[in-house]
Amino acid sequence: MFAVPENTIAPMPAANPLLRHPVRIALEFASDRDRWRNLLRYDPDERFAALLERTEAQEVWLLSWLPGQHAEPHDHGETTGAFTVVSGQLTETVYRRAPDGRVLTEVHTPSTGQSRVFGPGYVHQVRNGGPDPAISVHVYRSGGRTMRPYHLDPLTGPVRD
């Protein structure tokens, strides 16, 4: 049997957020309600957002969504990240173009405890289409909460504004 010497395996430092998946971080913040409970608000005019943490590596945001509230189609520039639904349900519509030029649309409906990830060039729209308020935690890396707007052309797909 081959034994690996202990000193050849370096443990990952848990404190370095870049070495932890953004879904893991979103889930940790989502489950720690005492950390953000006093910040949570519902705004009848627009979705509410509160910064929970900002480091050199990432930003973590709390969002609340009343029924009907949404983010217009957008991408996050060069940012990568994830969001987790804390309560309620959101609808995420992802827009992309197939290699043959066809416009592809994918619809996902993450609910409580479920997460979605995104990266550069990922164009999506998020909305609360349900009857109940929703809460989500979003982790943004390498660029912060950048939101570049898009409009949808039925022939060419997402076009950056």
N, C-alpha and C. Protein backbone atom coordinates (compact mmCIF):
# COMPACT_ATOMS: atom_id res chain seq x y z
N MET A 1 0.85 -1.17 0.00
CA MET A 1 0.00 0.00 0.00
C MET A 1 0.90 1.24 0.00
N PHE A 2 0.51 2.23 -0.76
CA PHE A 2 1.26 3.48 -0.87
C PHE A 2 0.71 4.49 0.13
N ALA A 3 1.57 5.05 0.97
CA ALA A 3 1.14 6.04 1.96
C ALA A 3 1.59 7.43 1.51
N VAL A 4 0.71 8.39 1.60
CA VAL A 4 1.03 9.78 1.27
C VAL A 4 1.50 10.47 2.53
N PRO A 5 2.73 11.01 2.51
CA PRO A 5 3.21 11.73 3.70
C PRO A 5 2.28 12.89 4.03
N GLU A 6 2.05 13.09 5.32
CA GLU A 6 1.13 14.15 5.76
C GLU A 6 1.51 15.53 5.25
N ASN A 7 2.80 15.81 5.19
CA ASN A 7 3.22 17.16 4.82
C ASN A 7 3.05 17.47 3.32
N THR A 8 2.55 16.50 2.52
CA THR A 8 2.34 16.77 1.09
C THR A 8 0.92 17.26 0.81
N ILE A 9 0.06 17.18 1.78
CA ILE A 9 -1.32 17.62 1.60
C ILE A 9 -1.55 18.83 2.49
N ALA A 10 -1.72 19.98 1.86
CA ALA A 10 -1.94 21.21 2.63
C ALA A 10 -3.44 21.43 2.80
N PRO A 11 -3.91 21.62 4.00
CA PRO A 11 -5.33 21.89 4.18
C PRO A 11 -5.70 23.25 3.59
N MET A 12 -6.92 23.32 3.05
CA MET A 12 -7.39 24.59 2.51
C MET A 12 -7.76 25.52 3.65
N PRO A 13 -7.23 26.74 3.64
CA PRO A 13 -7.63 27.67 4.71
C PRO A 13 -9.09 28.06 4.54
N ALA A 14 -9.91 27.72 5.50
CA ALA A 14 -11.34 27.99 5.42
C ALA A 14 -11.64 29.48 5.42
N ALA A 15 -10.72 30.28 5.95
CA ALA A 15 -10.97 31.72 6.04
C ALA A 15 -10.85 32.43 4.69
N ASN A 16 -10.21 31.81 3.71
CA ASN A 16 -10.04 32.44 2.40
C ASN A 16 -11.29 32.20 1.57
N PRO A 17 -12.13 33.23 1.35
CA PRO A 17 -13.38 33.04 0.62
C PRO A 17 -13.18 32.64 -0.83
N LEU A 18 -12.04 32.96 -1.43
CA LEU A 18 -11.82 32.57 -2.82
C LEU A 18 -11.67 31.07 -2.99
N LEU A 19 -11.35 30.38 -1.90
CA LEU A 19 -11.21 28.94 -1.97
C LEU A 19 -12.51 28.21 -1.62
N ARG A 20 -13.54 28.97 -1.27
CA ARG A 20 -14.84 28.40 -0.96
C ARG A 20 -15.81 28.76 -2.07
N HIS A 21 -16.62 27.82 -2.47
CA HIS A 21 -17.57 28.04 -3.56
C HIS A 21 -18.58 29.12 -3.16
N PRO A 22 -18.96 30.01 -4.09
CA PRO A 22 -19.92 31.07 -3.73
C PRO A 22 -21.27 30.53 -3.28
N VAL A 23 -21.68 29.34 -3.74
CA VAL A 23 -22.93 28.77 -3.25
C VAL A 23 -22.81 28.46 -1.77
N ARG A 24 -21.67 27.92 -1.35
CA ARG A 24 -21.45 27.60 0.07
C ARG A 24 -21.57 28.87 0.91
N ILE A 25 -20.97 29.96 0.43
CA ILE A 25 -21.01 31.22 1.16
C ILE A 25 -22.43 31.76 1.22
N ALA A 26 -23.15 31.71 0.09
CA ALA A 26 -24.55 32.17 0.08
C ALA A 26 -25.39 31.35 1.05
N LEU A 27 -25.19 30.05 1.07
CA LEU A 27 -25.95 29.20 1.99
C LEU A 27 -25.63 29.51 3.46
N GLU A 28 -24.36 29.77 3.74
CA GLU A 28 -23.98 30.11 5.12
C GLU A 28 -24.64 31.41 5.56
N PHE A 29 -24.61 32.42 4.71
CA PHE A 29 -25.28 33.69 5.06
C PHE A 29 -26.78 33.49 5.16
N ALA A 30 -27.36 32.73 4.24
CA ALA A 30 -28.81 32.51 4.25
C ALA A 30 -29.26 31.85 5.54
N SER A 31 -28.47 30.92 6.05
CA SER A 31 -28.87 30.19 7.25
C SER A 31 -28.63 30.96 8.53
N ASP A 32 -27.84 32.02 8.47
CA ASP A 32 -27.51 32.81 9.66
C ASP A 32 -28.40 34.05 9.72
N ARG A 33 -29.68 33.83 9.98
CA ARG A 33 -30.66 34.94 9.94
C ARG A 33 -30.36 36.04 10.96
N ASP A 34 -29.73 35.71 12.06
CA ASP A 34 -29.39 36.74 13.04
C ASP A 34 -28.43 37.76 12.44
N ARG A 35 -27.67 37.36 11.45
CA ARG A 35 -26.69 38.23 10.82
C ARG A 35 -27.35 39.34 9.98
N TRP A 36 -28.57 39.09 9.49
CA TRP A 36 -29.19 40.06 8.58
C TRP A 36 -30.65 40.40 8.91
N ARG A 37 -31.22 39.75 9.87
CA ARG A 37 -32.64 39.95 10.19
C ARG A 37 -33.00 41.43 10.39
N ASN A 38 -32.14 42.17 11.07
CA ASN A 38 -32.45 43.58 11.34
C ASN A 38 -32.29 44.47 10.11
N LEU A 39 -31.69 43.96 9.03
CA LEU A 39 -31.53 44.75 7.80
C LEU A 39 -32.66 44.55 6.81
N LEU A 40 -33.39 43.46 6.94
CA LEU A 40 -34.41 43.09 5.97
C LEU A 40 -35.55 44.11 5.91
N ARG A 41 -35.88 44.53 4.70
CA ARG A 41 -37.00 45.44 4.46
C ARG A 41 -37.73 44.97 3.21
N TYR A 42 -38.96 45.40 3.09
CA TYR A 42 -39.74 45.18 1.87
C TYR A 42 -40.14 46.54 1.36
N ASP A 43 -39.79 46.84 0.12
CA ASP A 43 -40.09 48.13 -0.48
C ASP A 43 -41.16 47.90 -1.55
N PRO A 44 -42.31 48.55 -1.42
CA PRO A 44 -43.38 48.31 -2.40
C PRO A 44 -43.06 48.83 -3.80
N ASP A 45 -42.07 49.73 -3.92
CA ASP A 45 -41.76 50.33 -5.22
C ASP A 45 -40.66 49.60 -5.99
N GLU A 46 -39.72 48.95 -5.30
CA GLU A 46 -38.64 48.25 -5.98
C GLU A 46 -38.06 47.20 -5.04
N ARG A 47 -37.38 46.23 -5.62
CA ARG A 47 -36.79 45.21 -4.76
C ARG A 47 -35.75 45.86 -3.86
N PHE A 48 -35.65 45.36 -2.68
CA PHE A 48 -34.76 45.92 -1.67
C PHE A 48 -33.44 45.17 -1.68
N ALA A 49 -32.32 45.88 -1.50
CA ALA A 49 -31.01 45.25 -1.41
C ALA A 49 -30.20 45.90 -0.29
N ALA A 50 -29.52 45.06 0.49
CA ALA A 50 -28.66 45.54 1.57
C ALA A 50 -27.33 44.79 1.51
N LEU A 51 -26.24 45.54 1.58
CA LEU A 51 -24.91 44.94 1.59
C LEU A 51 -24.67 44.28 2.95
N LEU A 52 -24.33 42.99 2.92
CA LEU A 52 -24.05 42.25 4.17
C LEU A 52 -22.57 42.19 4.47
N GLU A 53 -21.75 42.08 3.41
CA GLU A 53 -20.31 41.98 3.62
C GLU A 53 -19.60 42.40 2.35
N ARG A 54 -18.51 43.14 2.53
CA ARG A 54 -17.64 43.49 1.39
C ARG A 54 -16.20 43.24 1.82
N THR A 55 -15.50 42.43 1.02
CA THR A 55 -14.08 42.17 1.24
C THR A 55 -13.38 42.43 -0.08
N GLU A 56 -12.07 42.27 -0.09
CA GLU A 56 -11.33 42.39 -1.35
C GLU A 56 -11.78 41.33 -2.34
N ALA A 57 -12.25 40.21 -1.84
CA ALA A 57 -12.58 39.07 -2.69
C ALA A 57 -14.02 39.05 -3.18
N GLN A 58 -14.95 39.63 -2.41
CA GLN A 58 -16.36 39.45 -2.77
C GLN A 58 -17.26 40.44 -2.05
N GLU A 59 -18.50 40.47 -2.54
CA GLU A 59 -19.58 41.19 -1.88
C GLU A 59 -20.72 40.20 -1.66
N VAL A 60 -21.39 40.34 -0.52
CA VAL A 60 -22.55 39.51 -0.22
C VAL A 60 -23.72 40.46 0.04
N TRP A 61 -24.82 40.23 -0.67
CA TRP A 61 -26.00 41.10 -0.60
C TRP A 61 -27.24 40.31 -0.20
N LEU A 62 -28.11 40.96 0.54
CA LEU A 62 -29.43 40.44 0.89
C LEU A 62 -30.44 41.17 0.02
N LEU A 63 -31.34 40.44 -0.64
CA LEU A 63 -32.38 41.06 -1.46
C LEU A 63 -33.74 40.56 -1.01
N SER A 64 -34.73 41.44 -1.06
CA SER A 64 -36.11 41.01 -0.84
C SER A 64 -36.92 41.38 -2.07
N TRP A 65 -37.86 40.52 -2.38
CA TRP A 65 -38.67 40.63 -3.60
C TRP A 65 -40.14 40.48 -3.23
N LEU A 66 -40.92 41.52 -3.41
CA LEU A 66 -42.36 41.38 -3.26
C LEU A 66 -42.91 40.77 -4.54
N PRO A 67 -44.12 40.20 -4.50
CA PRO A 67 -44.69 39.63 -5.72
C PRO A 67 -44.67 40.65 -6.86
N GLY A 68 -44.21 40.19 -8.02
CA GLY A 68 -44.15 41.04 -9.20
C GLY A 68 -42.85 41.80 -9.37
N GLN A 69 -42.04 41.92 -8.34
CA GLN A 69 -40.77 42.64 -8.48
C GLN A 69 -39.76 41.80 -9.25
N HIS A 70 -38.91 42.50 -10.00
CA HIS A 70 -37.97 41.79 -10.86
C HIS A 70 -36.75 42.65 -11.17
N ALA A 71 -35.74 42.00 -11.68
CA ALA A 71 -34.57 42.68 -12.25
C ALA A 71 -34.69 42.51 -13.76
N GLU A 72 -34.49 43.57 -14.50
CA GLU A 72 -34.53 43.50 -15.96
C GLU A 72 -33.41 42.58 -16.45
N PRO A 73 -33.47 42.11 -17.70
CA PRO A 73 -32.37 41.27 -18.21
C PRO A 73 -31.03 41.99 -18.05
N HIS A 74 -30.04 41.24 -17.57
CA HIS A 74 -28.72 41.83 -17.29
C HIS A 74 -27.67 40.73 -17.21
N ASP A 75 -26.42 41.15 -17.27
CA ASP A 75 -25.33 40.26 -16.89
C ASP A 75 -24.55 40.97 -15.79
N HIS A 76 -23.52 40.31 -15.31
CA HIS A 76 -22.73 40.86 -14.22
C HIS A 76 -21.30 41.15 -14.65
N GLY A 77 -21.13 41.51 -15.93
CA GLY A 77 -19.80 41.83 -16.42
C GLY A 77 -18.88 40.64 -16.27
N GLU A 78 -17.71 40.86 -15.68
CA GLU A 78 -16.74 39.79 -15.47
C GLU A 78 -16.92 39.08 -14.13
N THR A 79 -17.97 39.45 -13.41
CA THR A 79 -18.22 38.89 -12.09
C THR A 79 -18.72 37.45 -12.17
N THR A 80 -18.29 36.65 -11.22
CA THR A 80 -18.83 35.31 -11.02
C THR A 80 -19.53 35.31 -9.68
N GLY A 81 -20.42 34.37 -9.47
CA GLY A 81 -21.09 34.32 -8.18
C GLY A 81 -22.23 33.34 -8.15
N ALA A 82 -23.10 33.55 -7.17
CA ALA A 82 -24.23 32.66 -6.96
C ALA A 82 -25.28 33.38 -6.14
N PHE A 83 -26.51 32.88 -6.22
CA PHE A 83 -27.53 33.34 -5.29
C PHE A 83 -28.30 32.15 -4.75
N THR A 84 -28.77 32.31 -3.52
CA THR A 84 -29.54 31.28 -2.83
C THR A 84 -30.86 31.90 -2.38
N VAL A 85 -31.94 31.17 -2.58
CA VAL A 85 -33.25 31.62 -2.13
C VAL A 85 -33.40 31.24 -0.66
N VAL A 86 -33.61 32.25 0.18
CA VAL A 86 -33.78 32.04 1.62
C VAL A 86 -35.21 31.64 1.94
N SER A 87 -36.17 32.32 1.31
CA SER A 87 -37.58 31.97 1.48
C SER A 87 -38.33 32.39 0.23
N GLY A 88 -39.43 31.70 -0.02
CA GLY A 88 -40.22 31.99 -1.21
C GLY A 88 -39.67 31.26 -2.43
N GLN A 89 -39.98 31.81 -3.59
CA GLN A 89 -39.54 31.23 -4.85
C GLN A 89 -39.28 32.35 -5.84
N LEU A 90 -38.22 32.20 -6.62
CA LEU A 90 -37.90 33.16 -7.67
C LEU A 90 -37.93 32.43 -9.01
N THR A 91 -38.07 33.19 -10.07
CA THR A 91 -37.97 32.64 -11.41
C THR A 91 -36.79 33.30 -12.09
N GLU A 92 -35.86 32.48 -12.56
CA GLU A 92 -34.71 32.99 -13.28
C GLU A 92 -34.84 32.54 -14.74
N THR A 93 -34.84 33.51 -15.65
CA THR A 93 -34.84 33.21 -17.08
C THR A 93 -33.46 33.53 -17.61
N VAL A 94 -32.82 32.53 -18.21
CA VAL A 94 -31.47 32.67 -18.75
C VAL A 94 -31.58 32.75 -20.27
N TYR A 95 -30.88 33.72 -20.85
CA TYR A 95 -30.91 33.94 -22.29
C TYR A 95 -29.52 33.70 -22.87
N ARG A 96 -29.46 32.92 -23.95
CA ARG A 96 -28.18 32.74 -24.63
C ARG A 96 -28.44 32.39 -26.09
N ARG A 97 -27.38 32.44 -26.85
CA ARG A 97 -27.47 32.13 -28.27
C ARG A 97 -26.74 30.81 -28.52
N ALA A 98 -27.39 29.91 -29.24
CA ALA A 98 -26.79 28.63 -29.60
C ALA A 98 -25.75 28.86 -30.70
N PRO A 99 -24.81 27.92 -30.86
CA PRO A 99 -23.81 28.07 -31.92
C PRO A 99 -24.41 28.27 -33.32
N ASP A 100 -25.60 27.73 -33.55
CA ASP A 100 -26.24 27.90 -34.86
C ASP A 100 -27.02 29.21 -34.97
N GLY A 101 -26.95 30.06 -33.91
CA GLY A 101 -27.60 31.36 -33.95
C GLY A 101 -28.98 31.42 -33.32
N ARG A 102 -29.56 30.26 -33.03
CA ARG A 102 -30.89 30.26 -32.41
C ARG A 102 -30.82 30.88 -31.01
N VAL A 103 -31.90 31.54 -30.62
CA VAL A 103 -32.00 32.10 -29.28
C VAL A 103 -32.55 31.03 -28.35
N LEU A 104 -31.82 30.77 -27.28
CA LEU A 104 -32.25 29.77 -26.31
C LEU A 104 -32.65 30.45 -25.01
N THR A 105 -33.72 29.99 -24.43
CA THR A 105 -34.23 30.51 -23.17
C THR A 105 -34.41 29.33 -22.22
N GLU A 106 -33.86 29.45 -21.03
CA GLU A 106 -34.03 28.44 -19.99
C GLU A 106 -34.70 29.10 -18.80
N VAL A 107 -35.68 28.44 -18.23
CA VAL A 107 -36.36 28.98 -17.06
C VAL A 107 -36.12 28.04 -15.88
N HIS A 108 -35.67 28.64 -14.78
CA HIS A 108 -35.42 27.90 -13.53
C HIS A 108 -36.25 28.55 -12.43
N THR A 109 -36.75 27.75 -11.52
CA THR A 109 -37.56 28.28 -10.43
C THR A 109 -37.00 27.81 -9.08
N PRO A 110 -35.87 28.39 -8.67
CA PRO A 110 -35.32 28.00 -7.37
C PRO A 110 -36.23 28.46 -6.23
N SER A 111 -36.41 27.58 -5.27
CA SER A 111 -37.21 27.92 -4.09
C SER A 111 -36.33 27.80 -2.85
N THR A 112 -36.92 27.91 -1.70
CA THR A 112 -36.19 27.95 -0.44
C THR A 112 -35.08 26.90 -0.38
N GLY A 113 -33.84 27.39 -0.13
CA GLY A 113 -32.69 26.52 0.02
C GLY A 113 -31.98 26.17 -1.28
N GLN A 114 -32.53 26.57 -2.43
CA GLN A 114 -31.90 26.25 -3.70
C GLN A 114 -31.08 27.43 -4.21
N SER A 115 -30.05 27.10 -5.00
CA SER A 115 -29.10 28.11 -5.46
C SER A 115 -28.93 28.05 -6.98
N ARG A 116 -28.44 29.15 -7.52
CA ARG A 116 -28.07 29.24 -8.94
C ARG A 116 -26.70 29.92 -8.99
N VAL A 117 -25.89 29.57 -9.98
CA VAL A 117 -24.58 30.19 -10.16
C VAL A 117 -24.56 30.96 -11.47
N PHE A 118 -23.63 31.92 -11.57
CA PHE A 118 -23.48 32.70 -12.80
C PHE A 118 -22.03 33.07 -12.99
N GLY A 119 -21.71 33.45 -14.21
CA GLY A 119 -20.35 33.85 -14.55
C GLY A 119 -20.38 34.89 -15.65
N PRO A 120 -19.21 35.27 -16.15
CA PRO A 120 -19.14 36.28 -17.21
C PRO A 120 -19.98 35.87 -18.42
N GLY A 121 -20.71 36.84 -18.97
CA GLY A 121 -21.52 36.59 -20.15
C GLY A 121 -22.84 35.89 -19.88
N TYR A 122 -23.18 35.68 -18.64
CA TYR A 122 -24.41 34.99 -18.25
C TYR A 122 -25.53 36.03 -18.16
N VAL A 123 -26.43 36.02 -19.15
CA VAL A 123 -27.51 37.00 -19.20
C VAL A 123 -28.76 36.36 -18.61
N HIS A 124 -29.33 37.02 -17.62
CA HIS A 124 -30.52 36.47 -16.99
C HIS A 124 -31.43 37.57 -16.48
N GLN A 125 -32.65 37.16 -16.17
CA GLN A 125 -33.64 38.03 -15.55
C GLN A 125 -34.19 37.26 -14.36
N VAL A 126 -34.30 37.93 -13.22
CA VAL A 126 -34.80 37.28 -12.02
C VAL A 126 -36.06 38.03 -11.59
N ARG A 127 -37.08 37.25 -11.19
CA ARG A 127 -38.33 37.90 -10.76
C ARG A 127 -39.04 37.03 -9.73
N ASN A 128 -39.89 37.70 -8.98
CA ASN A 128 -40.77 37.00 -8.07
C ASN A 128 -42.13 36.95 -8.74
N GLY A 129 -42.45 35.83 -9.35
CA GLY A 129 -43.72 35.67 -10.03
C GLY A 129 -44.78 35.04 -9.15
N GLY A 130 -44.43 34.75 -7.92
CA GLY A 130 -45.36 34.07 -7.02
C GLY A 130 -46.20 35.03 -6.20
N PRO A 131 -47.06 34.47 -5.36
CA PRO A 131 -47.96 35.29 -4.54
C PRO A 131 -47.35 35.76 -3.22
N ASP A 132 -46.18 35.23 -2.86
CA ASP A 132 -45.57 35.53 -1.56
C ASP A 132 -44.25 36.27 -1.73
N PRO A 133 -43.84 37.05 -0.73
CA PRO A 133 -42.52 37.68 -0.78
C PRO A 133 -41.42 36.62 -0.83
N ALA A 134 -40.28 37.01 -1.37
CA ALA A 134 -39.12 36.13 -1.44
C ALA A 134 -37.90 36.87 -0.89
N ILE A 135 -36.95 36.12 -0.36
CA ILE A 135 -35.69 36.67 0.14
C ILE A 135 -34.58 35.84 -0.50
N SER A 136 -33.51 36.52 -0.90
CA SER A 136 -32.36 35.82 -1.47
C SER A 136 -31.06 36.46 -1.00
N VAL A 137 -29.99 35.65 -1.00
CA VAL A 137 -28.65 36.11 -0.69
C VAL A 137 -27.80 35.90 -1.94
N HIS A 138 -27.06 36.96 -2.34
CA HIS A 138 -26.26 36.94 -3.56
C HIS A 138 -24.80 37.18 -3.23
N VAL A 139 -23.92 36.39 -3.83
CA VAL A 139 -22.47 36.52 -3.67
C VAL A 139 -21.89 36.92 -5.01
N TYR A 140 -21.12 38.02 -5.02
CA TYR A 140 -20.51 38.54 -6.25
C TYR A 140 -19.00 38.57 -6.06
N ARG A 141 -18.28 38.02 -7.03
CA ARG A 141 -16.81 38.00 -6.98
C ARG A 141 -16.23 38.67 -8.21
N SER A 142 -15.04 39.20 -8.07
CA SER A 142 -14.28 39.76 -9.20
C SER A 142 -15.06 40.83 -9.95
N GLY A 143 -15.55 41.80 -9.27
CA GLY A 143 -16.24 42.90 -9.95
C GLY A 143 -17.42 43.45 -9.20
N GLY A 144 -17.77 42.87 -8.08
CA GLY A 144 -18.87 43.39 -7.29
C GLY A 144 -20.22 43.20 -7.96
N ARG A 145 -21.15 44.00 -7.55
CA ARG A 145 -22.54 43.86 -7.99
C ARG A 145 -22.79 44.59 -9.30
N THR A 146 -21.91 44.43 -10.25
CA THR A 146 -22.08 45.02 -11.57
C THR A 146 -23.32 44.45 -12.23
N MET A 147 -24.14 45.34 -12.83
CA MET A 147 -25.32 44.89 -13.58
C MET A 147 -25.36 45.66 -14.89
N ARG A 148 -25.06 44.96 -15.99
CA ARG A 148 -25.11 45.59 -17.31
C ARG A 148 -26.43 45.21 -17.96
N PRO A 149 -27.26 46.22 -18.31
CA PRO A 149 -28.60 45.93 -18.85
C PRO A 149 -28.56 45.39 -20.29
N TYR A 150 -29.56 44.59 -20.59
CA TYR A 150 -29.76 44.01 -21.92
C TYR A 150 -31.20 44.22 -22.33
N HIS A 151 -31.44 44.19 -23.63
CA HIS A 151 -32.80 44.05 -24.13
C HIS A 151 -32.82 42.80 -24.99
N LEU A 152 -34.00 42.27 -25.20
CA LEU A 152 -34.12 41.00 -25.90
C LEU A 152 -34.63 41.22 -27.31
N ASP A 153 -33.81 40.89 -28.28
CA ASP A 153 -34.21 40.95 -29.68
C ASP A 153 -34.69 39.55 -30.06
N PRO A 154 -35.91 39.44 -30.62
CA PRO A 154 -36.44 38.10 -30.92
C PRO A 154 -35.61 37.33 -31.95
N LEU A 155 -34.83 38.03 -32.76
CA LEU A 155 -34.03 37.35 -33.78
C LEU A 155 -32.61 37.06 -33.33
N THR A 156 -32.01 37.97 -32.59
CA THR A 156 -30.61 37.81 -32.23
C THR A 156 -30.39 37.49 -30.75
N GLY A 157 -31.45 37.53 -29.96
CA GLY A 157 -31.33 37.22 -28.54
C GLY A 157 -30.93 38.42 -27.70
N PRO A 158 -30.20 38.18 -26.63
CA PRO A 158 -29.84 39.30 -25.74
C PRO A 158 -28.85 40.26 -26.38
N VAL A 159 -29.18 41.55 -26.28
CA VAL A 159 -28.33 42.61 -26.83
C VAL A 159 -28.06 43.60 -25.71
N ARG A 160 -26.78 43.86 -25.46
CA ARG A 160 -26.41 44.78 -24.39
C ARG A 160 -26.82 46.20 -24.74
N ASP A 161 -27.45 46.88 -23.78
CA ASP A 161 -27.87 48.27 -23.98
C ASP A 161 -26.69 49.21 -23.92
